[in-house]
Amino acid sequence: MTSSIAQYTSCSTSGVRPLDYQLIHQINRIAPGLLVDFSHLNVACGAGCHSFLQAPAVEALEKAIAIRRKKMIVNSAYRSLAQQAILYTHHKNRRCGITAAAVPGRSNHNTGLALDIEDAQGWKPYLERYGWDWIGSFDPMHFDFEGAGCKNLAWLSIKAFQQLWNYNHPERRIIEDGEWGKQTEIALLSTSCDGFYAVPGFDRLEDASDLPTVGRSLREGSSGEDVRKIQIKLGIKPDGVFGKATTATVIKFQREQGLVADGVLGMRSLQALNELK
């Protein structure tokens, strides 16, 4: 039997990844284009890390990395409501050495405006130059983005969960108000770590094994087995090299699907591609 969020005791939040993907997908249904994938930058993300931030934060991050010319090790960026609930529970129960954790929905991680990184002091002058703020020794790995152009969307991760819960539990509906209340807390803690049975416009993770993991983008210059698989799906020569011909085919597919036609296979394009028979 799959465990629920309430039963989750691992210090890594990677065990709720299937649910995370569903929540990220729903956020992009509510606010298309809000979360931008930064995996193409010179970064390495841990197992529980989702490489998404709001667009202005990604722009600033790219500039900081370009100047330092060093790979950034990211432990956490965008954090799902499920991940935040796990960390908050660990903090309350004094597990995993967690010294600080916000109530679910109230962390800047939940809005795509925060980073937890290795070598924080080394990165500090570069990040602060472009609007990132180190909050101090209270949480030594943590930076918040304070630059212009971002939105306060603390409610969005909660709203996305509430909608998915009601979609799957019409007989036990909860209020869709974007607030972290008792109803929402009870519902989330009882949710399976493997996610919901059904999500609008989203195939469950175990049914999507023929495509790259959601969260990893593919673009011109990419190569390997993931590229070969999407080429098969697109009906073109599967040589495993994302060249100009593949880019042109991807742009055509994106236009047909009403997506941003940039030739980059990000989360939304991969999901649309996965729905092709």
Protein backbone atom coordinates (compact mmCIF):
# COMPACT_ATOMS: atom_id res chain seq x y z
CA MET A 1 0.00 0.00 0.00
CA THR A 2 1.36 3.42 -0.95
CA SER A 3 2.06 5.69 2.00
CA SER A 4 0.38 9.04 2.51
CA ILE A 5 2.06 12.39 3.10
CA ALA A 6 1.33 12.01 6.83
CA GLN A 7 3.26 8.71 6.90
CA TYR A 8 6.30 10.07 5.05
CA THR A 9 9.43 10.10 7.22
CA SER A 10 12.33 10.17 4.74
CA CYS A 11 14.56 13.23 4.97
CA SER A 12 14.57 13.50 1.17
CA THR A 13 11.38 14.80 -0.45
CA SER A 14 12.09 12.96 -3.72
CA GLY A 15 9.56 10.26 -2.78
CA VAL A 16 6.63 12.57 -3.56
CA ARG A 17 7.84 13.45 -7.06
CA PRO A 18 4.81 11.95 -8.88
CA LEU A 19 2.49 14.16 -6.83
CA ASP A 20 4.80 17.14 -7.33
CA TYR A 21 4.58 16.80 -11.12
CA GLN A 22 0.80 16.83 -10.94
CA LEU A 23 0.80 19.95 -8.75
CA ILE A 24 3.25 21.76 -11.04
CA HIS A 25 1.09 20.86 -14.04
CA GLN A 26 -2.01 22.25 -12.32
CA ILE A 27 -0.21 25.49 -11.41
CA ASN A 28 0.62 25.94 -15.09
CA ARG A 29 -3.04 25.38 -15.96
CA ILE A 30 -4.03 28.18 -13.56
CA ALA A 31 -1.18 30.54 -14.47
CA PRO A 32 0.47 29.46 -17.75
CA GLY A 33 4.15 30.28 -18.00
CA LEU A 34 4.54 31.33 -14.38
CA LEU A 35 7.14 28.70 -13.49
CA VAL A 36 10.15 28.72 -15.82
CA ASP A 37 12.56 25.79 -16.13
CA PHE A 38 16.19 26.75 -15.44
CA SER A 39 17.75 23.31 -15.93
CA HIS A 40 19.53 24.59 -19.07
CA LEU A 41 21.79 26.77 -16.90
CA ASN A 42 25.08 25.59 -15.39
CA VAL A 43 23.37 23.97 -12.39
CA ALA A 44 23.06 20.58 -10.74
CA CYS A 45 19.88 19.84 -8.83
CA GLY A 46 19.46 17.30 -6.06
CA ALA A 47 16.96 14.44 -6.14
CA GLY A 48 14.21 16.43 -4.43
CA CYS A 49 14.82 19.65 -6.35
CA HIS A 50 12.52 21.03 -9.05
CA SER A 51 14.34 23.36 -11.44
CA PHE A 52 11.63 26.01 -11.66
CA LEU A 53 11.49 29.67 -10.62
CA GLN A 54 9.53 32.73 -11.70
CA ALA A 55 10.90 34.24 -14.92
CA PRO A 56 12.63 37.33 -13.41
CA ALA A 57 14.35 35.10 -10.85
CA VAL A 58 15.65 32.80 -13.61
CA GLU A 59 16.94 35.80 -15.55
CA ALA A 60 18.84 37.07 -12.50
CA LEU A 61 20.15 33.59 -11.70
CA GLU A 62 21.47 33.19 -15.24
CA LYS A 63 23.42 36.45 -14.96
CA ALA A 64 24.97 35.49 -11.61
CA ILE A 65 26.07 32.07 -12.89
CA ALA A 66 27.50 33.58 -16.09
CA ILE A 67 29.70 35.98 -14.14
CA ARG A 68 31.05 33.43 -11.65
CA ARG A 69 31.53 30.76 -14.34
CA LYS A 70 31.00 27.93 -11.90
CA LYS A 71 28.36 25.22 -11.59
CA MET A 72 25.77 25.96 -8.93
CA ILE A 73 24.61 23.06 -6.75
CA VAL A 74 20.92 23.62 -6.01
CA ASN A 75 19.26 21.73 -3.17
CA SER A 76 15.87 23.40 -3.51
CA ALA A 77 14.20 25.94 -5.80
CA TYR A 78 10.46 25.73 -6.47
CA ARG A 79 9.01 23.54 -3.74
CA SER A 80 5.61 21.89 -4.02
CA LEU A 81 2.97 22.10 -1.31
CA ALA A 82 3.55 18.41 -0.58
CA GLN A 83 7.28 18.94 -0.09
CA GLN A 84 6.66 21.94 2.16
CA ALA A 85 4.20 19.96 4.29
CA ILE A 86 6.78 17.20 4.74
CA LEU A 87 9.54 19.62 5.74
CA TYR A 88 7.20 21.50 8.09
CA THR A 89 6.20 18.22 9.76
CA HIS A 90 9.85 17.18 10.07
CA HIS A 91 10.66 20.54 11.65
CA LYS A 92 7.82 20.27 14.17
CA ASN A 93 8.93 16.73 15.08
CA ARG A 94 12.62 17.70 15.20
CA ARG A 95 13.54 15.31 12.41
CA CYS A 96 16.29 15.50 9.81
CA GLY A 97 18.08 18.44 11.43
CA ILE A 98 15.71 20.98 9.86
CA THR A 99 16.17 24.27 11.72
CA ALA A 100 13.53 26.31 9.87
CA ALA A 101 10.43 25.49 7.83
CA ALA A 102 7.49 27.72 6.95
CA VAL A 103 3.85 26.72 7.12
CA PRO A 104 2.85 25.16 3.75
CA GLY A 105 2.07 27.88 1.22
CA ARG A 106 3.98 30.57 3.12
CA SER A 107 7.49 29.76 1.97
CA ASN A 108 9.03 31.74 -0.88
CA HIS A 109 9.98 28.34 -2.27
CA ASN A 110 6.27 27.71 -2.87
CA THR A 111 6.12 30.74 -5.18
CA GLY A 112 9.33 30.08 -7.12
CA LEU A 113 11.25 32.94 -5.52
CA ALA A 114 13.79 31.13 -3.36
CA LEU A 115 16.91 28.98 -3.63
CA ASP A 116 18.76 26.71 -1.22
CA ILE A 117 22.28 26.15 -2.55
CA GLU A 118 25.68 24.78 -1.65
CA ASP A 119 28.58 27.24 -1.21
CA ALA A 120 26.15 29.99 -0.25
CA GLN A 121 28.88 32.39 0.86
CA GLY A 122 30.79 31.89 -2.36
CA TRP A 123 27.70 32.69 -4.40
CA LYS A 124 26.47 35.53 -2.16
CA PRO A 125 28.14 38.53 -3.91
CA TYR A 126 27.12 37.28 -7.36
CA LEU A 127 23.50 36.61 -6.44
CA GLU A 128 23.08 39.81 -4.43
CA ARG A 129 24.29 41.81 -7.44
CA TYR A 130 21.19 40.68 -9.33
CA GLY A 131 18.46 40.97 -6.71
CA TRP A 132 18.90 37.82 -4.65
CA ASP A 133 19.00 38.34 -0.88
CA TRP A 134 20.80 36.09 1.62
CA ILE A 135 18.55 35.96 4.69
CA GLY A 136 21.34 35.23 7.17
CA SER A 137 22.79 32.51 9.36
CA PHE A 138 19.27 31.59 10.50
CA ASP A 139 18.97 29.64 7.23
CA PRO A 140 22.50 29.72 5.78
CA MET A 141 21.82 28.08 2.38
CA HIS A 142 18.76 30.20 1.58
CA PHE A 143 18.35 33.14 -0.82
CA ASP A 144 15.14 35.03 -1.63
CA PHE A 145 14.66 36.88 -4.90
CA GLU A 146 13.73 40.52 -4.26
CA GLY A 147 13.98 41.83 -7.82
CA ALA A 148 11.27 43.50 -9.87
CA GLY A 149 8.61 41.81 -11.97
CA CYS A 150 7.61 38.97 -9.65
CA LYS A 151 4.17 38.17 -8.30
CA ASN A 152 3.09 37.27 -4.80
CA LEU A 153 1.53 33.90 -5.47
CA ALA A 154 1.65 32.24 -2.07
CA TRP A 155 -1.93 31.09 -2.63
CA LEU A 156 -1.27 29.35 -5.95
CA SER A 157 0.35 26.12 -4.75
CA ILE A 158 -2.52 25.68 -2.28
CA LYS A 159 -5.19 26.45 -4.87
CA ALA A 160 -3.66 23.90 -7.27
CA PHE A 161 -3.82 21.17 -4.63
CA GLN A 162 -7.39 22.07 -3.64
CA GLN A 163 -8.54 21.83 -7.24
CA LEU A 164 -6.90 18.43 -7.76
CA TRP A 165 -8.35 17.12 -4.51
CA ASN A 166 -11.87 18.14 -5.51
CA TYR A 167 -11.40 16.73 -9.02
CA ASN A 168 -10.62 13.33 -7.47
CA HIS A 169 -12.92 13.53 -4.43
CA PRO A 170 -16.22 15.12 -5.54
CA GLU A 171 -17.90 13.51 -2.54
CA ARG A 172 -15.43 15.15 -0.10
CA ARG A 173 -14.93 18.58 -1.59
CA ILE A 174 -12.91 21.24 0.23
CA ILE A 175 -12.96 25.02 -0.15
CA GLU A 176 -10.87 26.26 -3.10
CA ASP A 177 -9.72 29.49 -1.49
CA GLY A 178 -5.92 29.24 -1.74
CA GLU A 179 -5.67 29.30 2.06
CA TRP A 180 -3.88 26.76 4.27
CA GLY A 181 -6.73 25.77 6.60
CA LYS A 182 -7.62 22.65 8.54
CA GLN A 183 -9.60 21.13 5.66
CA THR A 184 -6.69 21.50 3.26
CA GLU A 185 -4.17 20.23 5.81
CA ILE A 186 -6.18 17.07 6.50
CA ALA A 187 -6.72 16.46 2.78
CA LEU A 188 -3.04 16.89 1.88
CA LEU A 189 -1.77 14.70 4.71
CA SER A 190 -4.11 11.91 3.57
CA THR A 191 -3.01 12.17 -0.09
CA SER A 192 -0.88 9.37 -1.56
CA CYS A 193 2.78 10.13 -2.21
CA ASP A 194 2.18 8.67 -5.70
CA GLY A 195 -0.29 11.43 -6.45
CA PHE A 196 -3.90 11.53 -7.52
CA TYR A 197 -5.58 8.97 -9.72
CA ALA A 198 -6.61 11.56 -12.32
CA VAL A 199 -5.45 15.05 -13.26
CA PRO A 200 -6.97 17.11 -16.10
CA GLY A 201 -4.76 16.88 -19.19
CA PHE A 202 -1.99 14.94 -17.46
CA ASP A 203 -0.96 11.30 -17.83
CA ARG A 204 0.14 9.64 -14.60
CA LEU A 205 3.91 9.30 -14.25
CA GLU A 206 3.92 5.53 -14.58
CA ASP A 207 2.19 5.89 -17.95
CA ALA A 208 4.74 8.38 -19.24
CA SER A 209 7.92 6.32 -19.02
CA ASP A 210 8.52 6.61 -22.76
CA LEU A 211 9.26 10.33 -22.47
CA PRO A 212 11.81 12.38 -20.49
CA THR A 213 10.98 13.27 -16.91
CA VAL A 214 8.81 16.36 -16.58
CA GLY A 215 11.03 19.23 -15.48
CA ARG A 216 13.89 18.48 -17.88
CA SER A 217 13.86 20.55 -21.07
CA LEU A 218 15.26 19.42 -24.41
CA ARG A 219 16.46 21.85 -27.06
CA GLU A 220 18.77 22.20 -30.06
CA GLY A 221 22.13 20.75 -29.04
CA SER A 222 20.64 18.08 -26.74
CA SER A 223 21.38 14.46 -27.57
CA GLY A 224 20.86 10.94 -26.31
CA GLU A 225 18.10 8.46 -25.63
CA ASP A 226 15.58 11.08 -24.46
CA VAL A 227 15.92 12.91 -27.78
CA ARG A 228 15.56 9.67 -29.73
CA LYS A 229 12.31 8.89 -27.89
CA ILE A 230 10.73 12.24 -28.67
CA GLN A 231 11.82 11.93 -32.30
CA ILE A 232 9.96 8.62 -32.52
CA LYS A 233 6.91 10.30 -31.00
CA LEU A 234 7.15 13.11 -33.57
CA GLY A 235 7.52 10.66 -36.45
CA ILE A 236 10.95 11.79 -37.61
CA LYS A 237 14.32 10.04 -37.98
CA PRO A 238 15.34 8.86 -34.47
CA ASP A 239 19.05 9.65 -34.54
CA GLY A 240 19.18 10.96 -30.97
CA VAL A 241 20.49 14.38 -32.04
CA PHE A 242 18.35 17.49 -31.47
CA GLY A 243 19.36 19.43 -34.58
CA LYS A 244 17.71 21.98 -36.85
CA ALA A 245 15.33 19.43 -38.40
CA THR A 246 14.08 18.33 -34.97
CA THR A 247 13.74 21.96 -33.88
CA ALA A 248 11.62 22.73 -36.95
CA THR A 249 9.38 19.72 -36.25
CA VAL A 250 8.99 20.72 -32.60
CA ILE A 251 8.03 24.28 -33.57
CA LYS A 252 5.40 22.92 -35.99
CA PHE A 253 4.03 20.62 -33.26
CA GLN A 254 3.92 23.48 -30.73
CA ARG A 255 1.99 25.71 -33.15
CA GLU A 256 -0.52 22.94 -33.81
CA GLN A 257 -1.03 22.51 -30.06
CA GLY A 258 -1.39 26.23 -29.36
CA LEU A 259 1.84 26.32 -27.32
CA VAL A 260 4.67 28.83 -27.35
CA ALA A 261 6.51 27.88 -30.56
CA ASP A 262 10.11 28.29 -29.39
CA GLY A 263 11.47 24.87 -30.41
CA VAL A 264 12.23 23.98 -26.78
CA LEU A 265 10.55 20.93 -25.26
CA GLY A 266 9.78 22.05 -21.73
CA MET A 267 7.20 20.70 -19.32
CA ARG A 268 4.07 21.82 -21.17
CA SER A 269 5.33 20.66 -24.58
CA LEU A 270 6.43 17.28 -23.21
CA GLN A 271 3.02 16.78 -21.62
CA ALA A 272 1.27 17.62 -24.89
CA LEU A 273 3.62 15.29 -26.77
CA ASN A 274 2.92 12.51 -24.29
CA GLU A 275 -0.80 12.76 -25.09
CA LEU A 276 -0.13 11.86 -28.74
CA LYS A 277 -1.12 8.31 -29.58
